[in-house]
Amino acid sequence: MNAAVCSFWLAKSDWDDYMWLVWLGIIAVGLGVGWYLQRKRREELGQAAAQMGFSFDAEAASLGGETFLELPLLKRNSGLSNALRGSASTGEAAVLDVRVGHGKHSYTQTVACLRLAGKRLPAFELRPEHFGHKIAGAFGYQDIDFEMNPGFSKSYLLRGPEEPAVRALFQGAALQFFESEKGWSVEGAGDWLAVYRQGKTVKPRDLAGFLQDATRIAQVFAASV
């Protein structure tokens, strides 16, 4: 191997080492920024909890055994964190961050769980309807529609194992509410509701407003049972 070739390979080796250092630096910065933002969010959520009169548990360790963890979204989660506990007009309330999925396909969303004291809800899942749901519906995927409320049926996918009971729950006020309020996801069973916007993490400064909106939804269902 002549001197020119040797020089080329040495230069290439140095460049490869340099690029590895650059990539490691980028990864380290990314991890550092992520850690800082997570810490900042937790601090601000703790402050928001205090202002709302709620307790705050960054690790959500205090949620073990809670019945609302049996709701479908919370059963299939891959991580709970930043749990606020307190009460709303309908009863007990919890607001927490829920991570769904794994790896690069995961995402986190803020979920409000509200207890409807003295009420019993049929199990149901309500979410915004997408084109994929319509295709699945053609092959038998359940979607409870209401002929007299096409706006609701066009905007939302509604499912539940006891269809007559779910239909009875949504007749009237619930249908009217969700015809005008788009983009919500709601799960219910027994005396608990989970309310969220899919893939959306609520900023600490907006948490009180989010809980207020979720409570309005809970009141609609409480009046329908």
Protein backbone atom coordinates (compact mmCIF):
# COMPACT_ATOMS: atom_id res chain seq x y z
CA MET A 1 0.00 0.00 0.00
CA ASN A 2 1.51 3.31 -1.05
CA ALA A 3 1.75 6.43 1.08
CA ALA A 4 -1.25 8.16 -0.57
CA VAL A 5 -3.53 5.21 0.18
CA CYS A 6 -2.30 5.00 3.77
CA SER A 7 -2.91 8.71 4.26
CA PHE A 8 -6.43 8.33 2.87
CA TRP A 9 -7.36 5.51 5.26
CA LEU A 10 -5.83 7.29 8.25
CA ALA A 11 -7.77 10.44 7.37
CA LYS A 12 -10.98 8.41 6.95
CA SER A 13 -10.43 6.69 10.29
CA ASP A 14 -9.96 10.07 12.00
CA TRP A 15 -13.14 11.37 10.33
CA ASP A 16 -15.12 8.31 11.44
CA ASP A 17 -13.92 8.79 15.01
CA TYR A 18 -14.87 12.46 14.82
CA MET A 19 -18.38 11.63 13.55
CA TRP A 20 -18.87 9.12 16.34
CA LEU A 21 -18.00 11.81 18.85
CA VAL A 22 -20.42 14.22 17.17
CA TRP A 23 -23.24 11.68 17.33
CA LEU A 24 -22.49 10.84 20.95
CA GLY A 25 -22.53 14.54 21.72
CA ILE A 26 -25.91 14.98 20.02
CA ILE A 27 -27.34 12.02 21.92
CA ALA A 28 -26.00 13.35 25.23
CA VAL A 29 -27.49 16.79 24.57
CA GLY A 30 -30.83 15.22 23.63
CA LEU A 31 -30.92 13.15 26.81
CA GLY A 32 -29.96 16.17 28.87
CA VAL A 33 -32.69 18.33 27.35
CA GLY A 34 -35.25 15.54 27.86
CA TRP A 35 -34.24 15.14 31.50
CA TYR A 36 -34.43 18.90 32.08
CA LEU A 37 -37.88 19.22 30.47
CA GLN A 38 -39.20 16.26 32.44
CA ARG A 39 -37.88 17.71 35.69
CA LYS A 40 -39.30 21.15 34.86
CA ARG A 41 -42.71 19.62 34.06
CA ARG A 42 -42.77 17.77 37.36
CA GLU A 43 -41.90 20.89 39.31
CA GLU A 44 -44.61 22.89 37.56
CA LEU A 45 -47.16 20.12 38.01
CA GLY A 46 -46.39 20.03 41.70
CA GLN A 47 -47.05 23.77 41.89
CA ALA A 48 -50.28 23.40 39.89
CA ALA A 49 -51.42 20.60 42.22
CA ALA A 50 -50.86 22.80 45.26
CA GLN A 51 -52.86 25.63 43.68
CA MET A 52 -55.72 23.23 42.92
CA GLY A 53 -55.65 21.69 46.40
CA PHE A 54 -54.53 18.32 45.00
CA SER A 55 -51.78 15.99 46.17
CA PHE A 56 -48.94 15.20 43.76
CA ASP A 57 -47.02 11.96 43.23
CA ALA A 58 -44.41 12.20 40.47
CA GLU A 59 -43.92 8.43 40.32
CA ALA A 60 -47.65 7.60 40.57
CA ALA A 61 -46.71 4.96 43.15
CA SER A 62 -49.81 5.75 45.22
CA LEU A 63 -52.19 4.55 42.49
CA GLY A 64 -51.72 0.83 43.07
CA GLY A 65 -55.04 -1.00 43.39
CA GLU A 66 -57.24 1.86 42.24
CA THR A 67 -60.33 0.60 40.40
CA PHE A 68 -59.98 3.13 37.58
CA LEU A 69 -56.79 1.36 36.54
CA GLU A 70 -59.08 -1.35 35.11
CA LEU A 71 -60.29 1.00 32.37
CA PRO A 72 -58.98 -0.20 28.96
CA LEU A 73 -56.55 2.66 28.36
CA LEU A 74 -54.96 2.31 31.79
CA LYS A 75 -54.73 -1.48 31.55
CA ARG A 76 -52.73 -1.29 28.32
CA ASN A 77 -50.46 1.57 29.37
CA SER A 78 -46.71 1.19 29.55
CA GLY A 79 -46.16 3.77 32.27
CA LEU A 80 -47.97 6.10 34.67
CA SER A 81 -46.47 9.26 36.14
CA ASN A 82 -47.21 12.73 37.51
CA ALA A 83 -50.39 11.78 39.36
CA LEU A 84 -52.51 14.49 40.96
CA ARG A 85 -55.25 13.38 43.39
CA GLY A 86 -58.15 15.39 44.70
CA SER A 87 -61.85 15.82 44.10
CA ALA A 88 -64.24 17.32 41.57
CA SER A 89 -67.96 18.03 41.70
CA THR A 90 -68.81 14.43 40.77
CA GLY A 91 -66.50 12.80 43.33
CA GLU A 92 -62.87 11.68 43.51
CA ALA A 93 -60.55 12.84 40.74
CA ALA A 94 -57.10 11.97 39.46
CA VAL A 95 -55.08 13.54 36.67
CA LEU A 96 -52.00 11.72 35.41
CA ASP A 97 -49.65 11.25 32.48
CA VAL A 98 -50.10 7.92 30.72
CA ARG A 99 -47.53 6.50 28.32
CA VAL A 100 -48.98 4.16 25.69
CA GLY A 101 -46.94 1.85 23.49
CA HIS A 102 -43.23 1.10 23.53
CA GLY A 103 -40.05 2.59 22.08
CA LYS A 104 -40.29 5.00 19.17
CA HIS A 105 -43.97 4.12 18.74
CA SER A 106 -44.92 5.28 22.24
CA TYR A 107 -46.56 8.55 23.19
CA THR A 108 -47.75 10.21 26.38
CA GLN A 109 -51.12 11.80 27.04
CA THR A 110 -52.69 13.46 30.06
CA VAL A 111 -55.78 11.68 31.38
CA ALA A 112 -58.39 12.85 33.87
CA CYS A 113 -60.07 10.06 35.83
CA LEU A 114 -63.29 11.07 37.56
CA ARG A 115 -65.50 9.09 39.89
CA LEU A 116 -69.25 9.38 39.47
CA ALA A 117 -70.26 8.80 43.07
CA GLY A 118 -73.36 6.61 43.35
CA LYS A 119 -73.54 5.93 39.58
CA ARG A 120 -73.01 2.79 37.51
CA LEU A 121 -71.89 3.12 33.90
CA PRO A 122 -71.94 0.39 31.26
CA ALA A 123 -68.47 -0.29 29.87
CA PHE A 124 -67.80 1.83 26.79
CA GLU A 125 -65.05 3.47 24.75
CA LEU A 126 -65.57 6.69 22.79
CA ARG A 127 -62.91 8.15 20.52
CA PRO A 128 -62.65 10.33 17.41
CA GLU A 129 -63.47 8.29 14.31
CA HIS A 130 -60.86 8.05 11.56
CA PHE A 131 -60.89 6.66 8.04
CA GLY A 132 -59.34 3.41 9.23
CA HIS A 133 -62.26 2.85 11.60
CA LYS A 134 -64.71 3.21 8.72
CA ILE A 135 -62.86 0.57 6.72
CA ALA A 136 -62.76 -1.73 9.76
CA GLY A 137 -66.50 -1.15 10.25
CA ALA A 138 -67.15 -2.61 6.81
CA PHE A 139 -65.57 -5.84 8.08
CA GLY A 140 -67.61 -6.03 11.27
CA TYR A 141 -65.62 -3.82 13.70
CA GLN A 142 -68.18 -2.51 16.19
CA ASP A 143 -69.24 1.11 15.90
CA ILE A 144 -72.49 2.11 17.58
CA ASP A 145 -74.16 4.73 15.38
CA PHE A 146 -77.29 6.83 15.87
CA GLU A 147 -79.34 7.44 12.73
CA MET A 148 -80.97 10.54 14.20
CA ASN A 149 -77.57 12.03 15.11
CA PRO A 150 -75.39 11.72 12.00
CA GLY A 151 -73.02 14.45 13.21
CA PHE A 152 -72.11 12.40 16.25
CA SER A 153 -71.83 9.15 14.28
CA LYS A 154 -69.58 10.79 11.69
CA SER A 155 -67.24 12.26 14.31
CA TYR A 156 -66.98 9.47 16.88
CA LEU A 157 -66.40 5.75 17.19
CA LEU A 158 -68.42 4.27 20.07
CA ARG A 159 -67.98 0.71 21.33
CA GLY A 160 -69.19 -1.35 24.27
CA PRO A 161 -70.00 -4.99 25.08
CA GLU A 162 -73.58 -4.18 26.17
CA GLU A 163 -74.82 -2.17 23.20
CA PRO A 164 -78.39 -1.50 24.45
CA ALA A 165 -77.06 -0.09 27.73
CA VAL A 166 -74.48 2.07 25.89
CA ARG A 167 -77.17 3.37 23.55
CA ALA A 168 -79.37 4.28 26.51
CA LEU A 169 -76.46 6.12 28.17
CA PHE A 170 -75.79 8.26 25.10
CA GLN A 171 -79.38 9.13 24.22
CA GLY A 172 -80.12 12.82 24.69
CA ALA A 173 -77.59 15.04 26.46
CA ALA A 174 -74.46 13.00 25.72
CA LEU A 175 -75.15 12.90 21.98
CA GLN A 176 -75.83 16.63 21.87
CA PHE A 177 -72.71 17.41 23.86
CA PHE A 178 -70.32 15.43 21.66
CA GLU A 179 -71.90 16.64 18.45
CA SER A 180 -70.60 20.10 19.35
CA GLU A 181 -67.47 19.03 21.27
CA LYS A 182 -65.03 17.27 18.94
CA GLY A 183 -61.76 15.44 19.60
CA TRP A 184 -62.43 13.90 23.01
CA SER A 185 -61.71 10.32 24.02
CA VAL A 186 -63.72 8.90 26.93
CA GLU A 187 -63.76 5.48 28.58
CA GLY A 188 -66.18 4.45 31.26
CA ALA A 189 -67.11 1.48 33.45
CA GLY A 190 -68.71 1.20 36.85
CA ASP A 191 -68.38 4.54 38.62
CA TRP A 192 -65.25 5.82 36.81
CA LEU A 193 -64.60 7.80 33.65
CA ALA A 194 -61.27 8.47 31.91
CA VAL A 195 -61.24 11.62 29.76
CA TYR A 196 -58.39 12.70 27.46
CA ARG A 197 -57.38 13.94 24.05
CA GLN A 198 -55.41 11.23 22.34
CA GLY A 199 -51.68 11.93 22.19
CA LYS A 200 -52.03 15.29 23.96
CA THR A 201 -50.02 16.18 27.05
CA VAL A 202 -51.58 19.05 28.98
CA LYS A 203 -49.29 21.88 30.05
CA PRO A 204 -49.21 22.51 33.81
CA ARG A 205 -50.68 25.99 33.37
CA ASP A 206 -53.64 24.48 31.49
CA LEU A 207 -54.28 21.66 33.94
CA ALA A 208 -57.09 23.35 35.89
CA GLY A 209 -58.93 24.15 32.66
CA PHE A 210 -58.47 20.60 31.40
CA LEU A 211 -59.92 19.19 34.62
CA GLN A 212 -62.81 21.63 34.37
CA ASP A 213 -63.59 20.40 30.83
CA ALA A 214 -63.32 16.78 31.93
CA THR A 215 -65.67 17.49 34.84
CA ARG A 216 -68.25 18.95 32.45
CA ILE A 217 -68.11 15.68 30.51
CA ALA A 218 -68.48 13.67 33.72
CA GLN A 219 -71.53 15.75 34.68
CA VAL A 220 -73.15 14.96 31.33
CA PHE A 221 -72.80 11.22 31.98
CA ALA A 222 -73.81 11.53 35.64
CA ALA A 223 -77.07 13.13 34.51
CA SER A 224 -77.64 10.35 31.94
CA VAL A 225 -77.40 7.37 34.31
